[in-house]
Amino acid sequence: MSSQILVVEDESGIRQLIEDALDGHGYDMVMCNNAMTAKTHLSTSTPDLAIVDWMMPQISGIELVTSMRKSEATGNLPIIMLTARSAEDDTIEGLEAGADDYITKPFSPRELLSRVQAALRRSGGHQAANTLRHGDITIHLDALRVTVGDTTMPLGQTEYKMLHLLMSNPDRVFSREQLLNNIWGINNFVEERTVDVHILRLRKALRAQGVHKLIETVRGAGYRLAAL
């Protein structure tokens, strides 16, 4: 079962941008163009995460978020607020109203996807608890299994841990030392070149599925999983 994301945004262009950014990542998106429609949906269903625009007619995003926080069903729901207002006081107001995260317009699809994935991981939602997705790659956490599309990709334990770390932090550059500390532990006696060996093995496994280019080498810095 996929995570349901409620999107409350009155601008059709922004709704389409959000849909395009999250499409293909296993989310069930419910689009509402105003707060009243969102409230109607929330009366019968509880999503795993909500993306709420601040400036909307009749009922503002701030008012909607405040009411959601007072409800038992949505009191702990992860909420990301969208707004063109970028002043520090506005950010504080949005967070104090109950938003967990705050994204200012214009925003990039990559940023939105990363924020959504991070919010679901923190909340322990279904997506975070059972699967981790990046494009065609899915990590089935309960089964410790990786698939690309419908094909299972065999991986060694170390390559699995490395892929999991990179997929949990798309577009973040990890140095060899950081990879060593995260995968082998801080008090390890493993040489840094060992990281390169396992990156090669991971790329080989990904190459067989045609997705090896997602693992990028950042000259003089380390490695990262390319954001989509």
Protein backbone atom coordinates (compact mmCIF):
# COMPACT_ATOMS: atom_id res chain seq x y z
CA MET A 1 0.00 0.00 0.00
CA SER A 2 1.41 3.38 -1.00
CA SER A 3 1.56 6.51 1.14
CA GLN A 4 -1.28 8.94 0.54
CA ILE A 5 -0.31 12.60 0.13
CA LEU A 6 -2.94 15.33 0.40
CA VAL A 7 -2.08 18.40 -1.70
CA VAL A 8 -4.02 21.60 -0.94
CA GLU A 9 -3.11 24.27 -3.49
CA ASP A 10 -5.37 26.71 -5.35
CA GLU A 11 -3.02 27.29 -8.31
CA SER A 12 -3.43 24.61 -10.98
CA GLY A 13 0.14 25.13 -12.26
CA ILE A 14 1.62 24.47 -8.83
CA ARG A 15 -0.58 21.40 -8.35
CA GLN A 16 0.71 20.06 -11.66
CA LEU A 17 4.32 20.78 -10.62
CA ILE A 18 3.80 18.86 -7.38
CA GLU A 19 2.18 15.97 -9.22
CA ASP A 20 5.05 15.82 -11.72
CA ALA A 21 7.65 15.95 -8.92
CA LEU A 22 6.13 13.06 -6.97
CA ASP A 23 4.83 10.97 -9.86
CA GLY A 24 6.50 7.58 -10.23
CA HIS A 25 7.55 7.33 -6.58
CA GLY A 26 4.67 5.20 -5.38
CA TYR A 27 2.55 7.92 -3.79
CA ASP A 28 -1.23 8.13 -3.93
CA MET A 29 -1.91 11.85 -4.40
CA VAL A 30 -5.18 13.56 -3.54
CA MET A 31 -5.45 17.04 -5.09
CA CYS A 32 -7.63 19.74 -3.52
CA ASN A 33 -7.90 23.30 -4.83
CA ASN A 34 -9.14 24.81 -1.55
CA ALA A 35 -9.26 24.17 2.17
CA MET A 36 -12.96 23.29 2.27
CA THR A 37 -12.45 20.45 -0.21
CA ALA A 38 -9.49 19.28 1.87
CA LYS A 39 -11.59 19.29 5.04
CA THR A 40 -14.24 17.19 3.31
CA HIS A 41 -11.60 14.65 2.33
CA LEU A 42 -10.10 14.63 5.83
CA SER A 43 -13.51 13.87 7.33
CA THR A 44 -13.45 10.43 5.71
CA SER A 45 -9.74 9.68 5.16
CA THR A 46 -6.43 10.37 6.89
CA PRO A 47 -3.42 10.81 4.57
CA ASP A 48 0.19 10.03 5.47
CA LEU A 49 1.35 13.58 4.69
CA ALA A 50 -0.14 16.92 3.65
CA ILE A 51 1.30 19.66 1.44
CA VAL A 52 -0.59 22.88 2.13
CA ASP A 53 -0.38 26.26 0.40
CA TRP A 54 -0.45 29.29 2.69
CA MET A 55 -2.31 31.82 0.54
CA MET A 56 -5.73 30.46 -0.41
CA PRO A 57 -9.12 32.16 -0.70
CA GLN A 58 -11.76 31.89 2.06
CA ILE A 59 -9.75 29.62 4.36
CA SER A 60 -5.99 30.13 4.41
CA GLY A 61 -3.41 27.39 4.72
CA ILE A 62 -2.52 28.64 8.19
CA GLU A 63 -6.13 28.25 9.32
CA LEU A 64 -6.33 24.78 7.77
CA VAL A 65 -3.11 23.63 9.43
CA THR A 66 -4.26 25.01 12.79
CA SER A 67 -7.55 23.10 12.55
CA MET A 68 -5.73 19.92 11.49
CA ARG A 69 -3.53 20.09 14.55
CA LYS A 70 -6.61 20.26 16.77
CA SER A 71 -8.03 17.07 15.28
CA GLU A 72 -7.15 13.71 16.84
CA ALA A 73 -6.91 12.10 13.38
CA THR A 74 -4.46 14.65 11.96
CA GLY A 75 -2.83 16.00 15.11
CA ASN A 76 0.48 14.26 14.33
CA LEU A 77 0.22 14.29 10.55
CA PRO A 78 3.40 15.52 8.78
CA ILE A 79 2.60 18.85 7.09
CA ILE A 80 4.73 20.74 4.58
CA MET A 81 3.67 24.33 3.98
CA LEU A 82 4.16 26.04 0.60
CA THR A 83 4.30 29.81 0.33
CA ALA A 84 5.74 32.71 -1.61
CA ARG A 85 6.35 34.48 1.69
CA SER A 86 9.99 34.06 2.66
CA ALA A 87 10.48 36.51 5.52
CA GLU A 88 11.73 35.01 8.78
CA ASP A 89 8.58 36.07 10.65
CA ASP A 90 6.43 34.29 8.06
CA THR A 91 8.48 31.10 8.44
CA ILE A 92 8.08 31.23 12.21
CA GLU A 93 4.33 31.84 11.91
CA GLY A 94 3.94 28.85 9.62
CA LEU A 95 5.91 26.55 11.90
CA GLU A 96 4.15 27.80 15.02
CA ALA A 97 0.79 27.11 13.37
CA GLY A 98 1.81 23.47 13.20
CA ALA A 99 3.70 22.94 9.93
CA ASP A 100 6.63 20.53 10.15
CA ASP A 101 8.48 21.96 7.16
CA TYR A 102 8.32 25.11 5.05
CA ILE A 103 9.13 25.48 1.34
CA THR A 104 9.14 28.84 -0.40
CA LYS A 105 8.01 29.32 -3.98
CA PRO A 106 9.47 28.90 -6.50
CA PHE A 107 10.85 25.51 -5.53
CA SER A 108 12.53 22.73 -7.48
CA PRO A 109 10.87 19.32 -7.94
CA ARG A 110 14.00 17.67 -6.49
CA GLU A 111 13.76 19.74 -3.32
CA LEU A 112 10.08 18.92 -2.85
CA LEU A 113 10.65 15.19 -3.36
CA SER A 114 13.52 15.17 -0.87
CA ARG A 115 11.45 17.05 1.73
CA VAL A 116 8.51 14.67 1.27
CA GLN A 117 10.71 11.58 1.60
CA ALA A 118 12.40 12.99 4.71
CA ALA A 119 9.07 13.89 6.33
CA LEU A 120 7.69 10.39 5.72
CA ARG A 121 10.84 8.80 7.14
CA ARG A 122 10.59 10.91 10.28
CA SER A 123 6.91 10.12 10.74
CA GLY A 124 7.31 6.39 10.31
CA GLY A 125 4.70 6.37 7.55
CA HIS A 126 4.03 3.30 5.42
CA GLN A 127 6.41 4.45 2.72
CA ALA A 128 9.22 4.94 5.20
CA ALA A 129 8.51 1.79 7.16
CA ASN A 130 8.26 -0.71 4.32
CA THR A 131 9.85 0.62 1.15
CA LEU A 132 12.33 3.23 -0.01
CA ARG A 133 12.09 4.31 -3.65
CA HIS A 134 14.25 6.30 -6.03
CA GLY A 135 13.08 6.24 -9.61
CA ASP A 136 12.83 2.60 -10.69
CA ILE A 137 14.82 1.35 -7.68
CA THR A 138 12.90 0.08 -4.64
CA ILE A 139 14.36 -1.18 -1.39
CA HIS A 140 11.93 -3.50 0.40
CA LEU A 141 13.13 -2.87 3.93
CA ASP A 142 11.27 -5.68 5.65
CA ALA A 143 12.58 -8.24 3.16
CA LEU A 144 16.08 -6.68 2.80
CA ARG A 145 15.53 -6.92 -0.96
CA VAL A 146 16.19 -4.50 -3.84
CA THR A 147 14.18 -4.42 -7.04
CA VAL A 148 14.49 -2.42 -10.24
CA GLY A 149 11.06 -2.41 -11.77
CA ASP A 150 9.88 -6.00 -11.34
CA THR A 151 13.39 -7.49 -11.28
CA THR A 152 15.15 -8.43 -8.05
CA MET A 153 18.73 -7.15 -7.95
CA PRO A 154 21.17 -9.38 -6.00
CA LEU A 155 23.39 -7.36 -3.67
CA GLY A 156 25.92 -8.16 -0.99
CA GLN A 157 25.21 -6.93 2.54
CA THR A 158 27.67 -4.02 2.29
CA GLU A 159 26.37 -2.89 -1.10
CA TYR A 160 22.82 -3.07 0.26
CA LYS A 161 23.74 -0.84 3.22
CA MET A 162 25.53 1.59 0.91
CA LEU A 163 22.57 1.84 -1.46
CA HIS A 164 20.18 2.29 1.47
CA LEU A 165 22.25 5.16 2.84
CA LEU A 166 22.50 6.90 -0.53
CA MET A 167 18.80 6.44 -1.31
CA SER A 168 17.87 7.82 2.10
CA ASN A 169 19.81 10.99 1.27
CA PRO A 170 19.43 11.71 -2.48
CA ASP A 171 21.77 14.36 -3.90
CA ARG A 172 23.85 14.46 -0.69
CA VAL A 173 27.58 13.97 -1.18
CA PHE A 174 29.17 11.43 1.18
CA SER A 175 32.93 11.42 1.60
CA ARG A 176 34.71 8.06 1.83
CA GLU A 177 35.19 8.65 5.54
CA GLN A 178 31.48 9.32 6.04
CA LEU A 179 30.58 6.16 4.16
CA LEU A 180 33.02 4.18 6.27
CA ASN A 181 31.60 5.58 9.51
CA ASN A 182 27.99 5.02 8.51
CA ILE A 183 28.41 1.49 7.15
CA TRP A 184 31.33 0.00 9.10
CA GLY A 185 31.03 2.13 12.24
CA ILE A 186 33.13 4.98 13.60
CA ASN A 187 35.73 2.75 15.27
CA ASN A 188 36.51 0.84 12.10
CA PHE A 189 39.88 -0.27 10.77
CA VAL A 190 38.85 -0.34 7.12
CA GLU A 191 40.86 1.54 4.51
CA GLU A 192 39.09 4.26 2.55
CA ARG A 193 39.88 2.56 -0.77
CA THR A 194 37.59 -0.25 0.36
CA VAL A 195 34.70 2.16 -0.24
CA ASP A 196 35.72 2.46 -3.90
CA VAL A 197 35.66 -1.32 -4.28
CA HIS A 198 32.13 -1.58 -2.94
CA ILE A 199 30.99 1.38 -5.04
CA LEU A 200 32.29 -0.49 -8.09
CA ARG A 201 30.38 -3.61 -7.06
CA LEU A 202 27.22 -1.58 -6.50
CA ARG A 203 27.58 0.10 -9.88
CA LYS A 204 28.09 -3.28 -11.53
CA ALA A 205 24.85 -4.56 -10.05
CA LEU A 206 23.04 -1.38 -11.07
CA ARG A 207 24.58 -1.49 -14.57
CA ALA A 208 22.95 -4.86 -15.17
CA GLN A 209 19.61 -3.09 -14.67
CA GLY A 210 20.58 0.02 -16.65
CA VAL A 211 20.53 2.42 -13.70
CA HIS A 212 24.23 2.63 -12.77
CA LYS A 213 24.51 6.31 -13.73
CA LEU A 214 22.53 7.23 -10.61
CA ILE A 215 25.69 6.73 -8.54
CA GLU A 216 27.82 9.81 -9.21
CA THR A 217 31.45 10.46 -8.33
CA VAL A 218 32.05 14.00 -7.07
CA ARG A 219 35.70 14.72 -7.77
CA GLY A 220 37.65 15.40 -4.59
CA ALA A 221 34.56 14.97 -2.40
CA GLY A 222 33.04 11.49 -2.59
CA TYR A 223 29.88 9.91 -3.94
CA ARG A 224 26.20 10.73 -4.19
CA LEU A 225 22.96 9.34 -5.54
CA ALA A 226 21.78 11.69 -8.27
CA ALA A 227 18.47 13.37 -7.48
CA LEU A 228 15.71 12.77 -10.00
